[in-house]
Amino acid sequence: MTWAAVLALAAGTYLVRLAGILLRDRVTLPARLARLTDLGATALLVALVATAALTEAGGFAGWARPAGVLVGGVAAWLKVPFVLVVVLAAGTTAGLRTLGVA
């Protein structure tokens, strides 16, 4: 990727964020659209987590990584401090790999 592309993407990202701040009080979204936007953001996050947790190099990543992600997700859902969430997820994955679970 060239520097021109990186700078163009950075400028575009900055302008989108700035537009959100400047238009916050001028644009009112209907409740249904606001709800759909929230659901869309959640769906994108779940898709990102699923692809990162389940695939590696175009194939299945094994069972240790999804188990670690699951433990981390449950810990985050229970509002465990973030550092402990990371330690639990990494510990679960490392422990399973130590036991020979791929």
N, C-alpha and C. Protein backbone atom coordinates (compact mmCIF):
# COMPACT_ATOMS: atom_id res chain seq x y z
N MET A 1 0.86 -1.17 0.00
CA MET A 1 0.00 0.00 0.00
C MET A 1 0.90 1.23 0.00
N THR A 2 0.60 2.18 -0.83
CA THR A 2 1.42 3.39 -0.94
C THR A 2 1.05 4.38 0.16
N TRP A 3 1.97 5.32 0.36
CA TRP A 3 1.73 6.34 1.38
C TRP A 3 0.54 7.22 1.01
N ALA A 4 0.33 7.44 -0.27
CA ALA A 4 -0.81 8.26 -0.69
C ALA A 4 -2.12 7.59 -0.28
N ALA A 5 -2.20 6.28 -0.44
CA ALA A 5 -3.41 5.55 -0.04
C ALA A 5 -3.60 5.59 1.47
N VAL A 6 -2.51 5.43 2.21
CA VAL A 6 -2.59 5.47 3.67
C VAL A 6 -3.06 6.85 4.13
N LEU A 7 -2.50 7.89 3.56
CA LEU A 7 -2.90 9.25 3.94
C LEU A 7 -4.34 9.55 3.54
N ALA A 8 -4.76 9.06 2.38
CA ALA A 8 -6.15 9.28 1.95
C ALA A 8 -7.12 8.56 2.89
N LEU A 9 -6.80 7.33 3.29
CA LEU A 9 -7.66 6.60 4.23
C LEU A 9 -7.68 7.28 5.60
N ALA A 10 -6.52 7.78 6.03
CA ALA A 10 -6.46 8.49 7.32
C ALA A 10 -7.31 9.75 7.28
N ALA A 11 -7.21 10.51 6.21
CA ALA A 11 -7.99 11.74 6.08
C ALA A 11 -9.48 11.43 6.02
N GLY A 12 -9.85 10.41 5.26
CA GLY A 12 -11.26 10.03 5.18
C GLY A 12 -11.81 9.59 6.53
N THR A 13 -11.03 8.80 7.26
CA THR A 13 -11.46 8.37 8.59
C THR A 13 -11.64 9.56 9.52
N TYR A 14 -10.70 10.48 9.48
CA TYR A 14 -10.79 11.68 10.32
C TYR A 14 -12.03 12.49 9.97
N LEU A 15 -12.30 12.67 8.68
CA LEU A 15 -13.46 13.45 8.26
C LEU A 15 -14.78 12.79 8.66
N VAL A 16 -14.86 11.46 8.59
CA VAL A 16 -16.07 10.77 9.00
C VAL A 16 -16.29 10.96 10.50
N ARG A 17 -15.22 10.84 11.28
CA ARG A 17 -15.35 11.04 12.73
C ARG A 17 -15.73 12.49 13.05
N LEU A 18 -15.14 13.42 12.34
CA LEU A 18 -15.46 14.83 12.55
C LEU A 18 -16.90 15.13 12.18
N ALA A 19 -17.39 14.53 11.11
CA ALA A 19 -18.78 14.73 10.70
C ALA A 19 -19.74 14.25 11.79
N GLY A 20 -19.41 13.14 12.42
CA GLY A 20 -20.25 12.65 13.51
C GLY A 20 -20.36 13.63 14.66
N ILE A 21 -19.25 14.26 14.99
CA ILE A 21 -19.24 15.23 16.08
C ILE A 21 -20.02 16.50 15.69
N LEU A 22 -19.78 16.96 14.46
CA LEU A 22 -20.41 18.21 14.03
C LEU A 22 -21.90 18.05 13.76
N LEU A 23 -22.35 16.88 13.35
CA LEU A 23 -23.75 16.68 12.99
C LEU A 23 -24.59 16.04 14.10
N ARG A 24 -24.00 15.78 15.25
CA ARG A 24 -24.70 15.09 16.32
C ARG A 24 -26.02 15.76 16.71
N ASP A 25 -26.00 17.07 16.84
CA ASP A 25 -27.20 17.79 17.27
C ASP A 25 -28.12 18.19 16.11
N ARG A 26 -27.64 18.08 14.89
CA ARG A 26 -28.42 18.51 13.73
C ARG A 26 -29.24 17.39 13.10
N VAL A 27 -28.79 16.17 13.27
CA VAL A 27 -29.46 15.03 12.63
C VAL A 27 -30.04 14.13 13.72
N THR A 28 -31.33 13.83 13.59
CA THR A 28 -31.97 12.92 14.54
C THR A 28 -32.38 11.66 13.78
N LEU A 29 -31.88 10.54 14.24
CA LEU A 29 -32.21 9.27 13.60
C LEU A 29 -33.50 8.71 14.22
N PRO A 30 -34.33 8.09 13.40
CA PRO A 30 -35.48 7.41 13.96
C PRO A 30 -35.03 6.26 14.88
N ALA A 31 -35.85 5.93 15.85
CA ALA A 31 -35.48 4.91 16.83
C ALA A 31 -35.17 3.58 16.15
N ARG A 32 -35.94 3.22 15.13
CA ARG A 32 -35.70 1.95 14.43
C ARG A 32 -34.33 1.93 13.75
N LEU A 33 -33.95 3.03 13.11
CA LEU A 33 -32.66 3.10 12.45
C LEU A 33 -31.52 3.08 13.46
N ALA A 34 -31.69 3.74 14.59
CA ALA A 34 -30.68 3.71 15.63
C ALA A 34 -30.50 2.30 16.16
N ARG A 35 -31.59 1.59 16.34
CA ARG A 35 -31.52 0.19 16.80
C ARG A 35 -30.83 -0.69 15.77
N LEU A 36 -31.17 -0.51 14.49
CA LEU A 36 -30.53 -1.29 13.44
C LEU A 36 -29.03 -0.99 13.34
N THR A 37 -28.65 0.25 13.57
CA THR A 37 -27.24 0.61 13.56
C THR A 37 -26.50 -0.10 14.70
N ASP A 38 -27.10 -0.13 15.87
CA ASP A 38 -26.49 -0.85 17.00
C ASP A 38 -26.36 -2.34 16.69
N LEU A 39 -27.41 -2.92 16.12
CA LEU A 39 -27.36 -4.34 15.79
C LEU A 39 -26.32 -4.63 14.70
N GLY A 40 -26.19 -3.72 13.74
CA GLY A 40 -25.19 -3.89 12.69
C GLY A 40 -23.78 -3.86 13.24
N ALA A 41 -23.52 -2.95 14.17
CA ALA A 41 -22.19 -2.88 14.78
C ALA A 41 -21.90 -4.15 15.57
N THR A 42 -22.90 -4.66 16.27
CA THR A 42 -22.73 -5.90 17.01
C THR A 42 -22.47 -7.08 16.07
N ALA A 43 -23.20 -7.13 14.98
CA ALA A 43 -23.01 -8.22 14.01
C ALA A 43 -21.61 -8.18 13.40
N LEU A 44 -21.11 -7.00 13.10
CA LEU A 44 -19.75 -6.89 12.56
C LEU A 44 -18.71 -7.34 13.57
N LEU A 45 -18.90 -6.99 14.84
CA LEU A 45 -17.97 -7.41 15.88
C LEU A 45 -17.99 -8.93 16.05
N VAL A 46 -19.18 -9.52 16.04
CA VAL A 46 -19.29 -10.98 16.16
C VAL A 46 -18.63 -11.67 14.97
N ALA A 47 -18.82 -11.14 13.77
CA ALA A 47 -18.20 -11.72 12.58
C ALA A 47 -16.68 -11.64 12.66
N LEU A 48 -16.16 -10.53 13.14
CA LEU A 48 -14.72 -10.38 13.29
C LEU A 48 -14.17 -11.38 14.30
N VAL A 49 -14.83 -11.51 15.44
CA VAL A 49 -14.40 -12.46 16.46
C VAL A 49 -14.46 -13.88 15.93
N ALA A 50 -15.53 -14.21 15.21
CA ALA A 50 -15.68 -15.57 14.69
C ALA A 50 -14.59 -15.91 13.69
N THR A 51 -14.30 -15.01 12.77
CA THR A 51 -13.27 -15.32 11.78
C THR A 51 -11.89 -15.37 12.40
N ALA A 52 -11.63 -14.50 13.37
CA ALA A 52 -10.32 -14.51 14.03
C ALA A 52 -10.16 -15.74 14.92
N ALA A 53 -11.24 -16.19 15.54
CA ALA A 53 -11.16 -17.31 16.47
C ALA A 53 -11.18 -18.65 15.77
N LEU A 54 -11.85 -18.76 14.65
CA LEU A 54 -12.07 -20.07 14.05
C LEU A 54 -11.19 -20.39 12.86
N THR A 55 -10.55 -19.39 12.25
CA THR A 55 -9.77 -19.67 11.05
C THR A 55 -8.33 -19.24 11.19
N GLU A 56 -7.48 -19.96 10.47
CA GLU A 56 -6.07 -19.62 10.38
C GLU A 56 -5.56 -20.13 9.04
N ALA A 57 -5.03 -19.25 8.24
CA ALA A 57 -4.49 -19.61 6.92
C ALA A 57 -5.54 -20.31 6.05
N GLY A 58 -6.77 -19.85 6.12
CA GLY A 58 -7.82 -20.39 5.27
C GLY A 58 -8.44 -21.68 5.76
N GLY A 59 -8.05 -22.15 6.93
CA GLY A 59 -8.62 -23.39 7.45
C GLY A 59 -9.01 -23.25 8.91
N PHE A 60 -9.49 -24.35 9.48
CA PHE A 60 -9.92 -24.35 10.88
C PHE A 60 -8.70 -24.19 11.78
N ALA A 61 -8.81 -23.36 12.80
CA ALA A 61 -7.69 -23.04 13.67
C ALA A 61 -7.47 -24.07 14.78
N GLY A 62 -8.35 -25.02 14.93
CA GLY A 62 -8.24 -25.97 16.03
C GLY A 62 -9.20 -25.60 17.15
N TRP A 63 -9.22 -26.40 18.19
CA TRP A 63 -10.19 -26.20 19.27
C TRP A 63 -9.69 -25.32 20.41
N ALA A 64 -8.38 -25.18 20.55
CA ALA A 64 -7.84 -24.41 21.68
C ALA A 64 -8.18 -22.93 21.56
N ARG A 65 -8.01 -22.36 20.39
CA ARG A 65 -8.28 -20.93 20.22
C ARG A 65 -9.75 -20.59 20.43
N PRO A 66 -10.71 -21.30 19.81
CA PRO A 66 -12.11 -20.97 20.09
C PRO A 66 -12.49 -21.14 21.56
N ALA A 67 -11.88 -22.12 22.23
CA ALA A 67 -12.16 -22.30 23.66
C ALA A 67 -11.66 -21.10 24.45
N GLY A 68 -10.49 -20.60 24.12
CA GLY A 68 -9.96 -19.41 24.79
C GLY A 68 -10.82 -18.19 24.54
N VAL A 69 -11.29 -18.04 23.30
CA VAL A 69 -12.18 -16.91 22.98
C VAL A 69 -13.49 -17.04 23.74
N LEU A 70 -14.01 -18.25 23.84
CA LEU A 70 -15.26 -18.47 24.58
C LEU A 70 -15.09 -18.11 26.06
N VAL A 71 -14.00 -18.56 26.66
CA VAL A 71 -13.74 -18.23 28.08
C VAL A 71 -13.59 -16.73 28.25
N GLY A 72 -12.85 -16.08 27.34
CA GLY A 72 -12.70 -14.63 27.41
C GLY A 72 -14.03 -13.90 27.23
N GLY A 73 -14.85 -14.40 26.31
CA GLY A 73 -16.16 -13.78 26.08
C GLY A 73 -17.07 -13.89 27.29
N VAL A 74 -17.08 -15.06 27.92
CA VAL A 74 -17.90 -15.24 29.11
C VAL A 74 -17.38 -14.36 30.24
N ALA A 75 -16.07 -14.29 30.39
CA ALA A 75 -15.49 -13.44 31.44
C ALA A 75 -15.84 -11.96 31.20
N ALA A 76 -15.77 -11.53 29.95
CA ALA A 76 -16.12 -10.13 29.64
C ALA A 76 -17.61 -9.89 29.89
N TRP A 77 -18.44 -10.87 29.54
CA TRP A 77 -19.88 -10.74 29.76
C TRP A 77 -20.20 -10.63 31.25
N LEU A 78 -19.40 -11.31 32.08
CA LEU A 78 -19.58 -11.24 33.53
C LEU A 78 -18.92 -10.01 34.14
N LYS A 79 -18.39 -9.13 33.28
CA LYS A 79 -17.77 -7.86 33.67
C LYS A 79 -16.53 -8.04 34.54
N VAL A 80 -15.75 -9.07 34.21
CA VAL A 80 -14.46 -9.29 34.85
C VAL A 80 -13.51 -8.21 34.34
N PRO A 81 -12.58 -7.71 35.15
CA PRO A 81 -11.63 -6.70 34.67
C PRO A 81 -10.90 -7.18 33.41
N PHE A 82 -10.63 -6.23 32.50
CA PHE A 82 -10.09 -6.56 31.19
C PHE A 82 -8.79 -7.38 31.25
N VAL A 83 -7.89 -7.01 32.14
CA VAL A 83 -6.62 -7.73 32.25
C VAL A 83 -6.87 -9.19 32.59
N LEU A 84 -7.81 -9.44 33.47
CA LEU A 84 -8.13 -10.81 33.85
C LEU A 84 -8.81 -11.55 32.70
N VAL A 85 -9.61 -10.86 31.91
CA VAL A 85 -10.22 -11.48 30.72
C VAL A 85 -9.14 -11.98 29.78
N VAL A 86 -8.15 -11.13 29.52
CA VAL A 86 -7.05 -11.52 28.62
C VAL A 86 -6.26 -12.68 29.20
N VAL A 87 -5.96 -12.63 30.49
CA VAL A 87 -5.20 -13.71 31.13
C VAL A 87 -5.98 -15.02 31.09
N LEU A 88 -7.27 -14.97 31.37
CA LEU A 88 -8.08 -16.19 31.32
C LEU A 88 -8.15 -16.78 29.91
N ALA A 89 -8.36 -15.93 28.92
CA ALA A 89 -8.44 -16.42 27.54
C ALA A 89 -7.11 -17.00 27.09
N ALA A 90 -6.03 -16.28 27.33
CA ALA A 90 -4.71 -16.78 26.92
C ALA A 90 -4.32 -18.02 27.70
N GLY A 91 -4.64 -18.03 28.98
CA GLY A 91 -4.33 -19.20 29.81
C GLY A 91 -5.09 -20.44 29.37
N THR A 92 -6.34 -20.26 29.01
CA THR A 92 -7.14 -21.39 28.53
C THR A 92 -6.55 -21.94 27.23
N THR A 93 -6.24 -21.06 26.30
CA THR A 93 -5.67 -21.50 25.03
C THR A 93 -4.31 -22.17 25.25
N ALA A 94 -3.46 -21.55 26.04
CA ALA A 94 -2.13 -22.13 26.29
C ALA A 94 -2.24 -23.45 27.03
N GLY A 95 -3.14 -23.53 27.99
CA GLY A 95 -3.31 -24.78 28.73
C GLY A 95 -3.79 -25.92 27.85
N LEU A 96 -4.75 -25.63 26.99
CA LEU A 96 -5.24 -26.67 26.08
C LEU A 96 -4.16 -27.10 25.09
N ARG A 97 -3.40 -26.14 24.60
CA ARG A 97 -2.30 -26.50 23.67
C ARG A 97 -1.22 -27.30 24.38
N THR A 98 -0.97 -26.99 25.66
CA THR A 98 -0.01 -27.77 26.44
C THR A 98 -0.48 -29.21 26.61
N LEU A 99 -1.78 -29.37 26.75
CA LEU A 99 -2.35 -30.72 26.88
C LEU A 99 -2.45 -31.45 25.55
N GLY A 100 -2.09 -30.78 24.46
CA GLY A 100 -2.09 -31.44 23.15
C GLY A 100 -3.33 -31.20 22.31
N VAL A 101 -4.22 -30.36 22.80
CA VAL A 101 -5.41 -30.02 22.00
C VAL A 101 -4.99 -28.98 20.97
N ALA A 102 -5.21 -29.29 19.71
CA ALA A 102 -4.73 -28.38 18.65
C ALA A 102 -5.47 -27.11 18.58
